[in-house]
Amino acid sequence: MVPGAVLWPAAMIVWGPGCSTSRHAHDSVQLLLAKRGTLRVRGRDTERWRQCGGAIVGPRAIQILISFVDPKCSLGRTLLTYGGPGIAAIPDQIVCRWHDLLWPAQSGCLDAPKVETWIRTEFLAARHEAAIHPGINRALRFLRAQISSTRQFTAAELARVAGLSETRFTHVFTESLGVPLRPYILWLRLQIASGELLRGTSATDAAHSAGFSDAAHMSRTFRRMLGTTPKELTAASKLARGIGPDAGS
């Protein structure tokens, strides 16, 4: 499988050879899906191993990584309907349907368009896709242009850029993107840093590009939010292709 990734608002989907990570727990909800064969999953050493083609790993569960999704965003909330707070095996019929979408018989290579189609049809189809308010688009452009700054972006500042009241801005922002402002900004920094790392950029330069004070700050945030470190991420997906901070947005 040729490795790759899609960066989505409040989510990152990575594919490629399997890998293991150190024991950890964090606030992301994760989806693990094997292209062929089965996974062996369990939440604790005292539990029996379960074999399955895919699994949903709830926030704070001990886990290995394959994709990262904020549980507060629309995609994260939908993923959690497939399981509880721990580790839940995905039914075989759902795994087969997802395989048909991601690895169709006529084209066995996974790529960003297939992943984005899978996300929209399987997880976001039931949600009304609200048009993004022009003011929110202005705020997003401002954020992406300024994200390398380590300063804090306030709702009041971004509301002024959007030409909306602060209360109206926070409501319309969440309605448009499916995730509140503060988590979105943090995920944007993580996505930009991840994209830089997967292109081969040094940890120090990736941290500065994403607005972290230094590489150590970035590493701590990766561990807290994703349950992995920048070094582990690049080791698992150093051959990734087609990654950019605007993908899937």
C-alpha atoms as a PDB file:
ATOM      1  CA  MET A   1       0.000   0.000   0.000  1.00  0.00           C
ATOM      2  CA  VAL A   2       1.400   3.423  -0.947  1.00  0.00           C
ATOM      3  CA  PRO A   3       1.266   5.547   2.240  1.00  0.00           C
ATOM      4  CA  GLY A   4      -0.717   8.783   2.266  1.00  0.00           C
ATOM      5  CA  ALA A   5      -2.851  11.079   4.376  1.00  0.00           C
ATOM      6  CA  VAL A   6      -5.866  13.363   4.277  1.00  0.00           C
ATOM      7  CA  LEU A   7      -6.091  16.341   6.621  1.00  0.00           C
ATOM      8  CA  TRP A   8      -9.681  17.233   7.514  1.00  0.00           C
ATOM      9  CA  PRO A   9     -11.028  19.875   9.905  1.00  0.00           C
ATOM     10  CA  ALA A  10     -10.460  18.330  13.350  1.00  0.00           C
ATOM     11  CA  ALA A  11      -9.312  15.032  11.831  1.00  0.00           C
ATOM     12  CA  MET A  12      -6.318  13.348  10.226  1.00  0.00           C
ATOM     13  CA  ILE A  13      -6.595  10.085   8.282  1.00  0.00           C
ATOM     14  CA  VAL A  14      -3.354   8.219   7.558  1.00  0.00           C
ATOM     15  CA  TRP A  15      -2.880   4.986   5.620  1.00  0.00           C
ATOM     16  CA  GLY A  16       0.108   2.796   4.994  1.00  0.00           C
ATOM     17  CA  PRO A  17       1.956  -0.140   6.596  1.00  0.00           C
ATOM     18  CA  GLY A  18       0.847  -1.017  10.100  1.00  0.00           C
ATOM     19  CA  CYS A  19       2.912   0.013  13.063  1.00  0.00           C
ATOM     20  CA  SER A  20       2.821  -0.090  16.842  1.00  0.00           C
ATOM     21  CA  THR A  21       3.114   2.680  19.411  1.00  0.00           C
ATOM     22  CA  SER A  22       3.812   2.840  23.095  1.00  0.00           C
ATOM     23  CA  ARG A  23       0.919   2.416  25.526  1.00  0.00           C
ATOM     24  CA  HIS A  24      -1.069   5.617  25.819  1.00  0.00           C
ATOM     25  CA  ALA A  25      -4.497   7.192  26.203  1.00  0.00           C
ATOM     26  CA  HIS A  26      -5.725  10.469  24.752  1.00  0.00           C
ATOM     27  CA  ASP A  27      -8.778  12.461  23.734  1.00  0.00           C
ATOM     28  CA  SER A  28      -9.064  11.466  20.066  1.00  0.00           C
ATOM     29  CA  VAL A  29     -11.501   8.893  18.743  1.00  0.00           C
ATOM     30  CA  GLN A  30      -9.761   6.553  16.299  1.00  0.00           C
ATOM     31  CA  LEU A  31     -10.796   4.242  13.515  1.00  0.00           C
ATOM     32  CA  LEU A  32      -8.551   1.282  12.688  1.00  0.00           C
ATOM     33  CA  LEU A  33      -9.218  -0.539   9.422  1.00  0.00           C
ATOM     34  CA  ALA A  34      -7.135  -3.329   7.901  1.00  0.00           C
ATOM     35  CA  LYS A  35      -6.902  -3.579   4.113  1.00  0.00           C
ATOM     36  CA  ARG A  36      -6.496  -7.361   4.374  1.00  0.00           C
ATOM     37  CA  GLY A  37      -6.430  -9.845   7.205  1.00  0.00           C
ATOM     38  CA  THR A  38      -7.650  -8.972  10.692  1.00  0.00           C
ATOM     39  CA  LEU A  39      -6.700  -6.831  13.660  1.00  0.00           C
ATOM     40  CA  ARG A  40      -6.236  -8.101  17.201  1.00  0.00           C
ATOM     41  CA  VAL A  41      -7.557  -5.555  19.679  1.00  0.00           C
ATOM     42  CA  ARG A  42      -8.087  -5.277  23.418  1.00  0.00           C
ATOM     43  CA  GLY A  43      -8.399  -2.390  25.850  1.00  0.00           C
ATOM     44  CA  ARG A  44      -6.553  -3.861  28.851  1.00  0.00           C
ATOM     45  CA  ASP A  45      -4.012  -6.574  29.570  1.00  0.00           C
ATOM     46  CA  THR A  46      -6.695  -8.483  31.468  1.00  0.00           C
ATOM     47  CA  GLU A  47      -9.049  -8.602  28.464  1.00  0.00           C
ATOM     48  CA  ARG A  48      -9.027 -11.326  25.833  1.00  0.00           C
ATOM     49  CA  TRP A  49      -7.808 -10.410  22.352  1.00  0.00           C
ATOM     50  CA  ARG A  50     -10.576  -9.911  19.755  1.00  0.00           C
ATOM     51  CA  GLN A  51     -10.090 -10.387  16.026  1.00  0.00           C
ATOM     52  CA  CYS A  52     -11.866  -8.032  13.632  1.00  0.00           C
ATOM     53  CA  GLY A  53     -11.426  -6.249  10.319  1.00  0.00           C
ATOM     54  CA  GLY A  54     -11.839  -2.830  11.915  1.00  0.00           C
ATOM     55  CA  ALA A  55     -12.301  -1.175  15.295  1.00  0.00           C
ATOM     56  CA  ILE A  56     -13.458   2.111  16.806  1.00  0.00           C
ATOM     57  CA  VAL A  57     -11.287   3.264  19.706  1.00  0.00           C
ATOM     58  CA  GLY A  58     -12.996   5.746  22.018  1.00  0.00           C
ATOM     59  CA  PRO A  59     -11.288   8.653  23.780  1.00  0.00           C
ATOM     60  CA  ARG A  60      -8.969   7.755  26.666  1.00  0.00           C
ATOM     61  CA  ALA A  61      -8.716   4.079  25.645  1.00  0.00           C
ATOM     62  CA  ILE A  62      -5.281   2.467  25.336  1.00  0.00           C
ATOM     63  CA  GLN A  63      -4.674   2.168  21.631  1.00  0.00           C
ATOM     64  CA  ILE A  64      -2.546   2.015  18.533  1.00  0.00           C
ATOM     65  CA  LEU A  65      -2.981   4.713  15.921  1.00  0.00           C
ATOM     66  CA  ILE A  66      -4.162   4.883  12.345  1.00  0.00           C
ATOM     67  CA  SER A  67      -6.346   8.008  12.210  1.00  0.00           C
ATOM     68  CA  PHE A  68      -7.167  10.795  14.612  1.00  0.00           C
ATOM     69  CA  VAL A  69     -10.514  12.569  15.006  1.00  0.00           C
ATOM     70  CA  ASP A  70     -11.699  15.143  17.530  1.00  0.00           C
ATOM     71  CA  PRO A  71     -14.690  13.499  19.291  1.00  0.00           C
ATOM     72  CA  LYS A  72     -16.486  16.876  19.443  1.00  0.00           C
ATOM     73  CA  CYS A  73     -16.625  17.368  15.666  1.00  0.00           C
ATOM     74  CA  SER A  74     -19.325  15.935  13.386  1.00  0.00           C
ATOM     75  CA  LEU A  75     -17.103  13.112  12.113  1.00  0.00           C
ATOM     76  CA  GLY A  76     -15.980  12.182  15.618  1.00  0.00           C
ATOM     77  CA  ARG A  77     -19.533  12.099  16.982  1.00  0.00           C
ATOM     78  CA  THR A  78     -20.603   9.853  14.104  1.00  0.00           C
ATOM     79  CA  LEU A  79     -17.678   7.459  14.633  1.00  0.00           C
ATOM     80  CA  LEU A  80     -18.611   7.103  18.292  1.00  0.00           C
ATOM     81  CA  THR A  81     -22.054   5.805  17.312  1.00  0.00           C
ATOM     82  CA  TYR A  82     -20.275   2.621  16.198  1.00  0.00           C
ATOM     83  CA  GLY A  83     -18.963   1.951  19.698  1.00  0.00           C
ATOM     84  CA  GLY A  84     -18.724   3.094  23.287  1.00  0.00           C
ATOM     85  CA  PRO A  85     -15.940   4.797  25.218  1.00  0.00           C
ATOM     86  CA  GLY A  86     -13.589   1.806  24.967  1.00  0.00           C
ATOM     87  CA  ILE A  87     -12.654  -0.355  21.975  1.00  0.00           C
ATOM     88  CA  ALA A  88     -15.486  -1.713  19.809  1.00  0.00           C
ATOM     89  CA  ALA A  89     -15.113  -4.127  16.889  1.00  0.00           C
ATOM     90  CA  ILE A  90     -16.805  -2.957  13.691  1.00  0.00           C
ATOM     91  CA  PRO A  91     -19.302  -5.511  12.277  1.00  0.00           C
ATOM     92  CA  ASP A  92     -17.968  -7.516   9.320  1.00  0.00           C
ATOM     93  CA  GLN A  93     -20.677  -6.262   6.925  1.00  0.00           C
ATOM     94  CA  ILE A  94     -19.681  -2.644   7.582  1.00  0.00           C
ATOM     95  CA  VAL A  95     -16.000  -3.472   7.144  1.00  0.00           C
ATOM     96  CA  CYS A  96     -16.798  -5.101   3.777  1.00  0.00           C
ATOM     97  CA  ARG A  97     -18.774  -2.050   2.636  1.00  0.00           C
ATOM     98  CA  TRP A  98     -15.932   0.266   3.610  1.00  0.00           C
ATOM     99  CA  HIS A  99     -13.431  -1.958   1.801  1.00  0.00           C
ATOM    100  CA  ASP A 100     -15.510  -1.697  -1.384  1.00  0.00           C
ATOM    101  CA  LEU A 101     -15.401   2.100  -1.151  1.00  0.00           C
ATOM    102  CA  LEU A 102     -11.746   2.433  -0.234  1.00  0.00           C
ATOM    103  CA  TRP A 103     -10.233  -0.414  -2.249  1.00  0.00           C
ATOM    104  CA  PRO A 104     -12.565  -1.059  -5.221  1.00  0.00           C
ATOM    105  CA  ALA A 105     -11.720  -4.114  -7.313  1.00  0.00           C
ATOM    106  CA  GLN A 106     -10.818  -2.058 -10.375  1.00  0.00           C
ATOM    107  CA  SER A 107      -8.395   0.129  -8.433  1.00  0.00           C
ATOM    108  CA  GLY A 108      -6.644  -1.291  -5.422  1.00  0.00           C
ATOM    109  CA  CYS A 109      -4.669   1.874  -4.603  1.00  0.00           C
ATOM    110  CA  LEU A 110      -5.977   4.072  -1.812  1.00  0.00           C
ATOM    111  CA  ASP A 111      -5.812   7.809  -2.434  1.00  0.00           C
ATOM    112  CA  ALA A 112      -7.162  11.062  -1.001  1.00  0.00           C
ATOM    113  CA  PRO A 113     -10.287  11.304  -3.244  1.00  0.00           C
ATOM    114  CA  LYS A 114     -11.409   7.802  -2.188  1.00  0.00           C
ATOM    115  CA  VAL A 115     -10.902   8.618   1.475  1.00  0.00           C
ATOM    116  CA  GLU A 116     -12.810  11.900   1.199  1.00  0.00           C
ATOM    117  CA  THR A 117     -15.691  10.199  -0.645  1.00  0.00           C
ATOM    118  CA  TRP A 118     -15.783   7.500   2.047  1.00  0.00           C
ATOM    119  CA  ILE A 119     -15.930  10.101   4.828  1.00  0.00           C
ATOM    120  CA  ARG A 120     -18.709  12.088   3.171  1.00  0.00           C
ATOM    121  CA  THR A 121     -20.889   9.128   2.195  1.00  0.00           C
ATOM    122  CA  GLU A 122     -20.441   6.988   5.315  1.00  0.00           C
ATOM    123  CA  PHE A 123     -20.143   9.545   8.113  1.00  0.00           C
ATOM    124  CA  LEU A 124     -21.383  12.942   6.986  1.00  0.00           C
ATOM    125  CA  ALA A 125     -24.196  12.152   4.526  1.00  0.00           C
ATOM    126  CA  ALA A 126     -26.910  12.485   7.173  1.00  0.00           C
ATOM    127  CA  ARG A 127     -25.654  15.886   8.311  1.00  0.00           C
ATOM    128  CA  HIS A 128     -26.918  18.944   6.501  1.00  0.00           C
ATOM    129  CA  GLU A 129     -23.876  20.522   4.922  1.00  0.00           C
ATOM    130  CA  ALA A 130     -24.326  24.197   5.732  1.00  0.00           C
ATOM    131  CA  ALA A 131     -22.764  26.635   3.319  1.00  0.00           C
ATOM    132  CA  ILE A 132     -19.791  28.367   4.908  1.00  0.00           C
ATOM    133  CA  HIS A 133     -20.640  31.976   5.711  1.00  0.00           C
ATOM    134  CA  PRO A 134     -18.485  34.469   3.728  1.00  0.00           C
ATOM    135  CA  GLY A 135     -17.330  35.984   7.016  1.00  0.00           C
ATOM    136  CA  ILE A 136     -16.198  32.586   8.278  1.00  0.00           C
ATOM    137  CA  ASN A 137     -14.253  32.097   5.052  1.00  0.00           C
ATOM    138  CA  ARG A 138     -12.509  35.428   5.683  1.00  0.00           C
ATOM    139  CA  ALA A 139     -11.663  34.317   9.220  1.00  0.00           C
ATOM    140  CA  LEU A 140     -10.338  30.975   7.954  1.00  0.00           C
ATOM    141  CA  ARG A 141      -8.108  32.683   5.396  1.00  0.00           C
ATOM    142  CA  PHE A 142      -6.835  35.002   8.133  1.00  0.00           C
ATOM    143  CA  LEU A 143      -6.160  32.055  10.452  1.00  0.00           C
ATOM    144  CA  ARG A 144      -4.267  30.065   7.835  1.00  0.00           C
ATOM    145  CA  ALA A 145      -2.173  33.094   6.896  1.00  0.00           C
ATOM    146  CA  GLN A 146      -1.302  33.837  10.540  1.00  0.00           C
ATOM    147  CA  ILE A 147      -1.157  30.339  12.030  1.00  0.00           C
ATOM    148  CA  SER A 148       2.648  30.297  12.224  1.00  0.00           C
ATOM    149  CA  SER A 149       2.357  32.976  14.916  1.00  0.00           C
ATOM    150  CA  THR A 150       2.545  31.655  18.473  1.00  0.00           C
ATOM    151  CA  ARG A 151       0.024  34.232  19.717  1.00  0.00           C
ATOM    152  CA  GLN A 152      -3.478  33.279  20.769  1.00  0.00           C
ATOM    153  CA  PHE A 153      -6.352  33.994  18.372  1.00  0.00           C
ATOM    154  CA  THR A 154      -9.475  35.193  20.160  1.00  0.00           C
ATOM    155  CA  ALA A 155     -13.077  34.841  19.059  1.00  0.00           C
ATOM    156  CA  ALA A 156     -13.419  38.631  19.342  1.00  0.00           C
ATOM    157  CA  GLU A 157     -10.528  39.215  16.937  1.00  0.00           C
ATOM    158  CA  LEU A 158     -11.750  36.691  14.398  1.00  0.00           C
ATOM    159  CA  ALA A 159     -15.309  38.008  14.690  1.00  0.00           C
ATOM    160  CA  ARG A 160     -14.016  41.429  13.659  1.00  0.00           C
ATOM    161  CA  VAL A 161     -12.292  39.862  10.646  1.00  0.00           C
ATOM    162  CA  ALA A 162     -15.542  38.088   9.784  1.00  0.00           C
ATOM    163  CA  GLY A 163     -17.639  41.223  10.242  1.00  0.00           C
ATOM    164  CA  LEU A 164     -19.884  39.505  12.813  1.00  0.00           C
ATOM    165  CA  SER A 165     -20.648  39.926  16.480  1.00  0.00           C
ATOM    166  CA  GLU A 166     -18.629  37.598  18.710  1.00  0.00           C
ATOM    167  CA  THR A 167     -21.720  35.607  19.725  1.00  0.00           C
ATOM    168  CA  ARG A 168     -22.900  35.263  16.124  1.00  0.00           C
ATOM    169  CA  PHE A 169     -19.389  34.348  14.956  1.00  0.00           C
ATOM    170  CA  THR A 170     -18.938  31.480  17.439  1.00  0.00           C
ATOM    171  CA  HIS A 171     -22.348  30.059  16.525  1.00  0.00           C
ATOM    172  CA  VAL A 172     -21.872  30.321  12.752  1.00  0.00           C
ATOM    173  CA  PHE A 173     -18.298  28.983  12.953  1.00  0.00           C
ATOM    174  CA  THR A 174     -19.395  25.769  14.679  1.00  0.00           C
ATOM    175  CA  GLU A 175     -22.428  25.437  12.394  1.00  0.00           C
ATOM    176  CA  SER A 176     -20.269  25.835   9.266  1.00  0.00           C
ATOM    177  CA  LEU A 177     -17.345  23.570  10.194  1.00  0.00           C
ATOM    178  CA  GLY A 178     -18.867  21.133  12.668  1.00  0.00           C
ATOM    179  CA  VAL A 179     -16.253  21.904  15.328  1.00  0.00           C
ATOM    180  CA  PRO A 180     -15.899  24.848  17.773  1.00  0.00           C
ATOM    181  CA  LEU A 181     -13.266  27.530  17.264  1.00  0.00           C
ATOM    182  CA  ARG A 182     -10.697  26.585  19.930  1.00  0.00           C
ATOM    183  CA  PRO A 183     -10.436  22.881  19.000  1.00  0.00           C
ATOM    184  CA  TYR A 184     -10.318  23.862  15.327  1.00  0.00           C
ATOM    185  CA  ILE A 185      -7.321  26.147  15.854  1.00  0.00           C
ATOM    186  CA  LEU A 186      -5.435  23.452  17.778  1.00  0.00           C
ATOM    187  CA  TRP A 187      -6.237  20.825  15.152  1.00  0.00           C
ATOM    188  CA  LEU A 188      -5.161  23.249  12.410  1.00  0.00           C
ATOM    189  CA  ARG A 189      -1.784  23.633  14.097  1.00  0.00           C
ATOM    190  CA  LEU A 190      -1.463  19.853  14.445  1.00  0.00           C
ATOM    191  CA  GLN A 191      -2.431  19.294  10.811  1.00  0.00           C
ATOM    192  CA  ILE A 192       0.040  21.838   9.483  1.00  0.00           C
ATOM    193  CA  ALA A 193       2.809  20.427  11.663  1.00  0.00           C
ATOM    194  CA  SER A 194       1.923  16.878  10.551  1.00  0.00           C
ATOM    195  CA  GLY A 195       1.951  17.884   6.896  1.00  0.00           C
ATOM    196  CA  GLU A 196       5.382  19.479   7.292  1.00  0.00           C
ATOM    197  CA  LEU A 197       6.761  16.470   9.153  1.00  0.00           C
ATOM    198  CA  LEU A 198       5.438  14.041   6.546  1.00  0.00           C
ATOM    199  CA  ARG A 199       7.183  16.087   3.833  1.00  0.00           C
ATOM    200  CA  GLY A 200      10.481  15.608   5.646  1.00  0.00           C
ATOM    201  CA  THR A 201      10.684  18.988   7.400  1.00  0.00           C
ATOM    202  CA  SER A 202      12.634  19.022  10.658  1.00  0.00           C
ATOM    203  CA  ALA A 203      10.701  19.016  13.926  1.00  0.00           C
ATOM    204  CA  THR A 204      11.930  22.520  14.764  1.00  0.00           C
ATOM    205  CA  ASP A 205      10.843  23.990  11.418  1.00  0.00           C
ATOM    206  CA  ALA A 206       7.520  22.128  11.506  1.00  0.00           C
ATOM    207  CA  ALA A 207       6.828  23.520  14.990  1.00  0.00           C
ATOM    208  CA  HIS A 208       7.527  27.072  13.868  1.00  0.00           C
ATOM    209  CA  SER A 209       5.403  26.686  10.714  1.00  0.00           C
ATOM    210  CA  ALA A 210       2.434  25.601  12.847  1.00  0.00           C
ATOM    211  CA  GLY A 211       2.814  28.246  15.559  1.00  0.00           C
ATOM    212  CA  PHE A 212       4.187  26.084  18.372  1.00  0.00           C
ATOM    213  CA  SER A 213       6.743  27.809  20.606  1.00  0.00           C
ATOM    214  CA  ASP A 214       9.285  25.048  19.974  1.00  0.00           C
ATOM    215  CA  ALA A 215       9.633  21.376  19.024  1.00  0.00           C
ATOM    216  CA  ALA A 216       9.152  20.267  22.638  1.00  0.00           C
ATOM    217  CA  HIS A 217       5.805  22.110  22.832  1.00  0.00           C
ATOM    218  CA  MET A 218       4.732  20.492  19.573  1.00  0.00           C
ATOM    219  CA  SER A 219       5.757  17.049  20.813  1.00  0.00           C
ATOM    220  CA  ARG A 220       3.793  17.449  24.059  1.00  0.00           C
ATOM    221  CA  THR A 221       0.706  18.530  22.104  1.00  0.00           C
ATOM    222  CA  PHE A 222       1.037  15.573  19.715  1.00  0.00           C
ATOM    223  CA  ARG A 223       1.232  13.170  22.648  1.00  0.00           C
ATOM    224  CA  ARG A 224      -1.753  14.729  24.429  1.00  0.00           C
ATOM    225  CA  MET A 225      -4.007  15.058  21.360  1.00  0.00           C
ATOM    226  CA  LEU A 226      -2.918  12.141  19.171  1.00  0.00           C
ATOM    227  CA  GLY A 227      -1.206   9.705  21.496  1.00  0.00           C
ATOM    228  CA  THR A 228       1.922   9.712  19.356  1.00  0.00           C
ATOM    229  CA  THR A 229       5.054  11.796  18.910  1.00  0.00           C
ATOM    230  CA  PRO A 230       6.279  13.623  15.791  1.00  0.00           C
ATOM    231  CA  LYS A 231       9.098  11.081  15.555  1.00  0.00           C
ATOM    232  CA  GLU A 232       6.660   8.138  15.625  1.00  0.00           C
ATOM    233  CA  LEU A 233       4.421   9.805  13.051  1.00  0.00           C
ATOM    234  CA  THR A 234       7.223  10.384  10.560  1.00  0.00           C
ATOM    235  CA  ALA A 235       8.609   6.881  11.098  1.00  0.00           C
ATOM    236  CA  ALA A 236       5.198   5.364  10.305  1.00  0.00           C
ATOM    237  CA  SER A 237       4.367   7.517   7.277  1.00  0.00           C
ATOM    238  CA  LYS A 238       7.593   9.043   5.949  1.00  0.00           C
ATOM    239  CA  LEU A 239       6.654   8.074   2.398  1.00  0.00           C
ATOM    240  CA  ALA A 240       3.253   9.809   2.519  1.00  0.00           C
ATOM    241  CA  ARG A 241       2.057  11.676  -0.551  1.00  0.00           C
ATOM    242  CA  GLY A 242      -0.441  14.431  -1.332  1.00  0.00           C
ATOM    243  CA  ILE A 243      -0.646  16.084   2.068  1.00  0.00           C
ATOM    244  CA  GLY A 244      -1.709  19.722   2.580  1.00  0.00           C
ATOM    245  CA  PRO A 245      -3.398  21.765   5.301  1.00  0.00           C
ATOM    246  CA  ASP A 246      -6.398  22.524   3.061  1.00  0.00           C
ATOM    247  CA  ALA A 247      -7.121  18.914   2.082  1.00  0.00           C
ATOM    248  CA  GLY A 248     -10.643  17.843   2.941  1.00  0.00           C
ATOM    249  CA  SER A 249     -11.719  21.278   4.137  1.00  0.00           C
END
